[in-house]
Protein backbone atom coordinates (compact mmCIF):
# COMPACT_ATOMS: atom_id res chain seq x y z
CA MET A 1 -7.71 -1.76 -35.65
CA ALA A 2 -8.96 0.14 -32.73
CA PRO A 3 -6.21 0.42 -29.72
CA PRO A 4 -6.90 -1.80 -26.89
CA GLY A 5 -9.46 -0.54 -24.18
CA PHE A 6 -6.81 -0.29 -21.53
CA LEU A 7 -5.03 2.36 -23.72
CA ARG A 8 -8.10 4.22 -24.46
CA LEU A 9 -8.97 4.37 -20.66
CA ALA A 10 -5.61 5.08 -19.15
CA GLY A 11 -4.44 7.32 -21.92
CA HIS A 12 -6.77 10.10 -21.06
CA PRO A 13 -4.43 12.87 -19.40
CA LEU A 14 -6.50 13.34 -16.22
CA ARG A 15 -7.07 9.52 -15.81
CA TRP A 16 -3.39 8.95 -16.21
CA ARG A 17 -2.61 11.39 -13.54
CA LEU A 18 -5.05 9.90 -11.25
CA LEU A 19 -3.61 6.40 -11.84
CA SER A 20 -0.09 7.95 -11.19
CA GLU A 21 -1.09 9.28 -7.87
CA LEU A 22 -3.06 6.06 -6.75
CA ALA A 23 0.02 4.09 -7.70
CA ARG A 24 2.06 5.95 -4.84
CA SER A 25 -0.78 6.02 -2.19
CA ASP A 26 -4.38 5.09 -1.58
CA ARG A 27 -6.23 8.41 -1.65
CA GLN A 28 -9.53 9.99 -0.93
CA VAL A 29 -11.44 12.06 -3.58
CA ARG A 30 -10.67 15.48 -1.92
CA GLU A 31 -6.91 14.56 -1.65
CA LEU A 32 -6.99 13.69 -5.53
CA LYS A 33 -8.84 16.97 -6.10
CA ALA A 34 -6.11 18.96 -4.44
CA LEU A 35 -3.31 17.05 -5.97
CA LEU A 36 -4.54 17.41 -9.37
CA ASP A 37 -6.19 20.84 -9.02
CA GLN A 38 -9.18 19.72 -10.67
CA PRO A 39 -13.03 20.14 -9.72
CA GLN A 40 -14.14 17.36 -7.49
CA ASN A 41 -17.13 16.36 -9.86
CA LEU A 42 -14.70 15.88 -12.63
CA VAL A 43 -12.27 13.89 -10.55
CA SER A 44 -15.27 11.70 -9.31
CA TYR A 45 -16.33 11.18 -12.90
CA HIS A 46 -13.10 9.88 -14.10
CA LEU A 47 -12.60 7.79 -11.02
CA SER A 48 -15.84 6.04 -11.84
CA ARG A 49 -14.67 5.36 -15.32
CA LEU A 50 -11.43 3.81 -14.02
CA ARG A 51 -13.54 1.72 -11.51
CA ALA A 52 -15.72 0.51 -14.24
CA GLY A 53 -12.70 -0.50 -16.32
CA GLY A 54 -11.35 -2.52 -13.35
CA LEU A 55 -8.32 -0.40 -12.72
CA VAL A 56 -9.36 1.24 -9.51
CA THR A 57 -11.33 -0.11 -6.52
CA ALA A 58 -12.85 1.98 -3.69
CA ARG A 59 -13.53 1.13 0.00
CA ARG A 60 -15.27 2.86 2.81
CA SER A 61 -12.95 4.42 5.27
CA SER A 62 -13.08 2.48 8.47
CA ALA A 63 -12.61 5.92 10.41
CA ASP A 64 -15.29 7.89 8.71
CA GLY A 65 -17.90 5.74 6.73
CA ARG A 66 -18.97 8.74 4.66
CA ASP A 67 -15.62 8.78 2.93
CA ALA A 68 -14.03 6.34 0.81
CA TYR A 69 -10.26 5.39 -0.27
CA TYR A 70 -9.48 4.73 -3.82
CA SER A 71 -6.84 2.14 -4.70
CA ILE A 72 -5.02 1.13 -7.83
CA ASP A 73 -5.14 -2.57 -8.89
CA LEU A 74 -1.53 -2.73 -10.06
CA THR A 75 -1.64 -6.41 -10.78
CA ARG A 76 -4.68 -5.87 -13.34
CA CYS A 77 -2.84 -2.78 -14.80
CA GLY A 78 0.08 -4.99 -15.58
CA GLU A 79 -2.00 -7.69 -17.10
CA LEU A 80 -3.86 -5.09 -19.31
CA LEU A 81 -0.36 -3.51 -20.17
CA THR A 82 1.00 -6.69 -21.09
CA ALA A 83 -2.12 -7.43 -23.32
CA ALA A 84 -1.80 -4.19 -25.10
CA GLY A 85 2.03 -4.53 -25.80
CA ALA A 86 1.48 -8.10 -27.04
CA ALA A 87 -1.42 -6.72 -29.32
CA LEU A 88 1.07 -4.46 -31.06
CA HIS A 89 4.00 -6.83 -31.37
CA PRO A 90 4.99 -10.13 -29.42
CA GLY A 91 8.31 -8.41 -28.63
CA LEU A 92 6.48 -6.04 -26.40
CA ARG A 93 5.30 -8.48 -23.90
CA PHE A 94 5.89 -6.70 -20.62
CA ARG A 95 6.61 -8.56 -17.39
CA PRO A 96 5.20 -7.46 -13.98
CA PRO A 97 7.76 -7.25 -11.12
CA ASP A 98 8.91 -10.35 -9.91
CA ASP A 99 10.28 -11.73 -6.57
CA GLY A 100 13.82 -11.12 -7.55
CA PRO A 101 16.67 -9.49 -5.20
CA VAL A 102 16.17 -5.81 -4.30
CA ARG A 103 18.83 -3.73 -5.64
CA ALA A 104 18.69 -0.74 -3.36
CA ARG A 105 18.70 -0.59 0.43
CA ALA A 106 15.74 1.13 2.14
CA SER A 107 13.99 1.25 5.55
CA VAL A 108 10.20 0.80 6.09
CA LEU A 109 7.87 1.53 8.99
CA PHE A 110 4.45 0.07 8.85
CA LEU A 111 1.97 1.64 11.31
CA CYS A 112 -1.63 0.73 12.28
CA THR A 113 -3.82 1.26 15.58
CA GLY A 114 -2.96 -1.94 17.50
CA ASN A 115 0.28 -3.22 15.95
CA SER A 116 -1.57 -6.59 16.40
CA ALA A 117 -2.27 -7.76 12.86
CA ARG A 118 -1.82 -5.84 9.70
CA SER A 119 1.38 -3.88 10.59
CA GLN A 120 2.87 -7.08 12.00
CA MET A 121 2.11 -9.00 9.06
CA ALA A 122 3.39 -6.43 6.77
CA GLN A 123 6.63 -6.24 8.50
CA ALA A 124 7.06 -10.15 8.50
CA ILE A 125 6.34 -10.42 4.87
CA LEU A 126 8.54 -7.55 3.71
CA GLU A 127 11.37 -9.10 5.83
CA GLN A 128 10.73 -12.54 4.17
CA MET A 129 10.60 -11.12 0.59
CA ALA A 130 13.27 -8.48 0.90
CA GLY A 131 15.87 -10.28 3.05
CA LYS A 132 18.66 -8.02 4.43
CA ALA A 133 18.27 -5.48 1.66
CA VAL A 134 15.33 -3.76 3.45
CA THR A 135 14.78 -2.97 7.19
CA ALA A 136 11.36 -3.18 8.30
CA ALA A 137 9.50 -2.24 11.48
CA SER A 138 6.01 -1.90 12.82
CA ALA A 139 4.05 -0.05 15.58
CA GLY A 140 0.88 1.20 16.55
CA SER A 141 -0.95 4.13 18.27
CA HIS A 142 -2.73 1.95 20.69
CA PRO A 143 -0.91 -1.38 20.85
CA LYS A 144 -2.67 -4.53 21.99
CA PRO A 145 -1.63 -8.16 22.16
CA LEU A 146 -0.74 -9.91 18.76
CA HIS A 147 -3.84 -11.52 17.24
CA PRO A 148 -3.57 -15.43 17.21
CA ASN A 149 -5.18 -15.32 13.74
CA ALA A 150 -2.30 -13.02 12.44
CA VAL A 151 0.27 -15.69 13.74
CA ARG A 152 -1.53 -18.45 12.06
CA ALA A 153 -1.83 -16.60 8.87
CA MET A 154 1.93 -15.98 8.65
CA ARG A 155 2.58 -19.59 9.31
CA GLU A 156 0.94 -20.28 5.98
CA HIS A 157 3.59 -18.29 4.32
CA GLY A 158 6.35 -19.78 6.28
CA ILE A 159 6.84 -17.13 8.81
CA ASP A 160 6.78 -17.30 12.59
CA ILE A 161 5.80 -14.09 14.54
CA GLY A 162 4.53 -15.80 17.49
CA SER A 163 7.07 -14.29 19.72
CA ARG A 164 6.84 -10.73 18.71
CA GLN A 165 5.70 -7.97 20.73
CA SER A 166 3.34 -4.94 19.89
CA LYS A 167 5.06 -1.61 20.16
CA HIS A 168 3.72 1.89 20.46
CA VAL A 169 4.79 4.34 17.74
CA SER A 170 6.69 6.36 20.34
CA VAL A 171 9.52 3.65 20.27
CA PHE A 172 10.74 5.04 16.99
CA ASP A 173 10.93 8.62 17.77
CA GLY A 174 13.72 10.19 16.02
CA GLU A 175 14.49 6.99 14.01
CA LEU A 176 15.43 7.11 10.40
CA PHE A 177 12.95 5.77 7.59
CA ASP A 178 12.65 5.86 3.92
CA TYR A 179 9.01 4.83 3.86
CA VAL A 180 6.29 5.27 6.52
CA ILE A 181 3.30 3.19 5.56
CA THR A 182 -0.01 3.41 7.45
CA LEU A 183 -2.42 0.63 7.12
CA CYS A 184 -5.24 1.92 9.13
CA ASP A 185 -7.83 4.69 8.05
CA ARG A 186 -8.20 5.57 11.62
CA LEU A 187 -4.56 6.16 12.44
CA ARG A 188 -4.05 8.04 9.10
CA GLU A 189 -7.01 10.41 9.59
CA ILE A 190 -6.13 11.12 13.19
CA CYS A 191 -2.46 11.93 12.40
CA PRO A 192 -2.33 12.32 8.54
CA GLU A 193 0.98 14.56 8.61
CA PHE A 194 4.31 13.03 9.70
CA PRO A 195 7.23 15.48 10.30
CA GLY A 196 10.35 14.78 8.30
CA PRO A 197 11.01 14.16 4.52
CA ALA A 198 10.18 10.35 4.69
CA GLU A 199 7.78 9.31 2.04
CA VAL A 200 4.38 8.67 3.65
CA ILE A 201 2.13 6.03 2.04
CA HIS A 202 -1.44 5.01 2.99
CA TRP A 203 -2.69 1.34 2.04
CA SER A 204 -6.38 1.38 3.11
CA ILE A 205 -6.73 -2.22 4.52
CA ALA A 206 -9.74 -3.15 6.76
CA ASP A 207 -8.84 -4.58 10.20
CA PRO A 208 -9.02 -8.33 9.91
CA GLY A 209 -9.47 -8.46 13.67
CA ALA A 210 -12.69 -6.25 13.78
CA GLY A 211 -16.03 -7.84 14.13
CA SER A 212 -15.82 -11.56 14.53
CA GLY A 213 -12.05 -11.69 13.60
CA ALA A 214 -12.63 -14.79 11.33
CA TYR A 215 -9.63 -16.34 9.96
CA PRO A 216 -10.44 -15.91 6.24
CA ALA A 217 -10.16 -12.19 6.72
CA PHE A 218 -6.49 -12.66 7.85
CA ARG A 219 -5.76 -14.83 4.83
CA ALA A 220 -7.18 -12.00 2.68
CA VAL A 221 -5.13 -9.43 4.19
CA ALA A 222 -1.90 -11.45 4.09
CA ALA A 223 -2.49 -11.87 0.27
CA ASP A 224 -3.25 -8.09 -0.26
CA LEU A 225 -0.08 -7.24 1.55
CA ARG A 226 2.14 -9.58 -0.32
CA THR A 227 0.82 -8.18 -3.53
CA ARG A 228 1.35 -4.56 -2.36
CA ILE A 229 4.74 -5.30 -0.90
CA ARG A 230 5.96 -6.94 -4.24
CA PHE A 231 5.16 -3.60 -5.93
CA LEU A 232 6.69 -1.68 -3.30
CA LEU A 233 9.86 -3.67 -3.64
CA ALA A 234 9.72 -3.07 -7.39
CA ARG A 235 9.68 0.77 -6.78
CA ILE A 236 12.36 0.47 -4.12
CA SER A 237 14.61 -1.25 -6.53
CA ASP A 238 13.95 1.42 -9.38
CA VAL A 239 15.27 4.32 -6.91
CA PRO A 240 19.10 4.95 -6.74
CA GLU A 241 20.35 4.58 -2.98
CA ASN A 242 19.52 7.53 -1.15
CA PRO A 243 20.52 8.91 2.19
CA VAL A 244 18.00 7.54 4.72
CA GLU A 245 15.46 10.12 5.65
CA LEU A 246 14.50 11.47 9.14
CA PHE A 247 11.07 10.25 10.53
CA GLN A 248 9.72 11.77 13.64
CA PRO A 249 6.15 10.34 14.56
CA ALA A 250 3.56 13.00 15.38
CA ARG A 251 2.28 12.82 18.91
CA GLY A 252 -1.52 12.97 19.48
């Protein structure tokens, strides 16, 4: 019997390395080329194979539409890995991360341009899912008032953010964070490097307030954030407690 397609697809050494990098952060092709030290055409070829297999998705950058960010679909990977284990033996039914208690303390800063929707929603969802185990904050490079549809979307999740205020990233100058997560392609591409040893992660999520700002876009962002944060918390729980790292935002 041939091995499951997931194993044949993900088991290629270069494709496994691509998946491993994308499991840490959304990336552009040129970044993956540099991280893996492989020719760009080879990286692009294997990314296309992963996309065809449903393990990876791509989205045009909202900062430079000529470029794209690649993201791993961890939920789909988990489903296929579970199926592969069960195909070998029923005792190998792997389980995806659940919403159980977080076993390590951490601090997370979410950044986007306006701090009016994505980063505020991410902070609120993380606080709800992690409780006191994780300290969450958010800010923007060009703050603007909280979007009413962001407030409405969070109410669907039992969270009230109506009284929260948008903040400039400079508010957190010199503060300590373990993870800095950018949600805006434009912010990330303008200031791609953050001084200090905090782990910097990018989640390429379109601004739901752009264009018409229709409410379904905010609901979709909330669902995406909840999935990403669930996997982030599993990752945090898997790491022994560390000294909190220094984060000093770049000025620009």
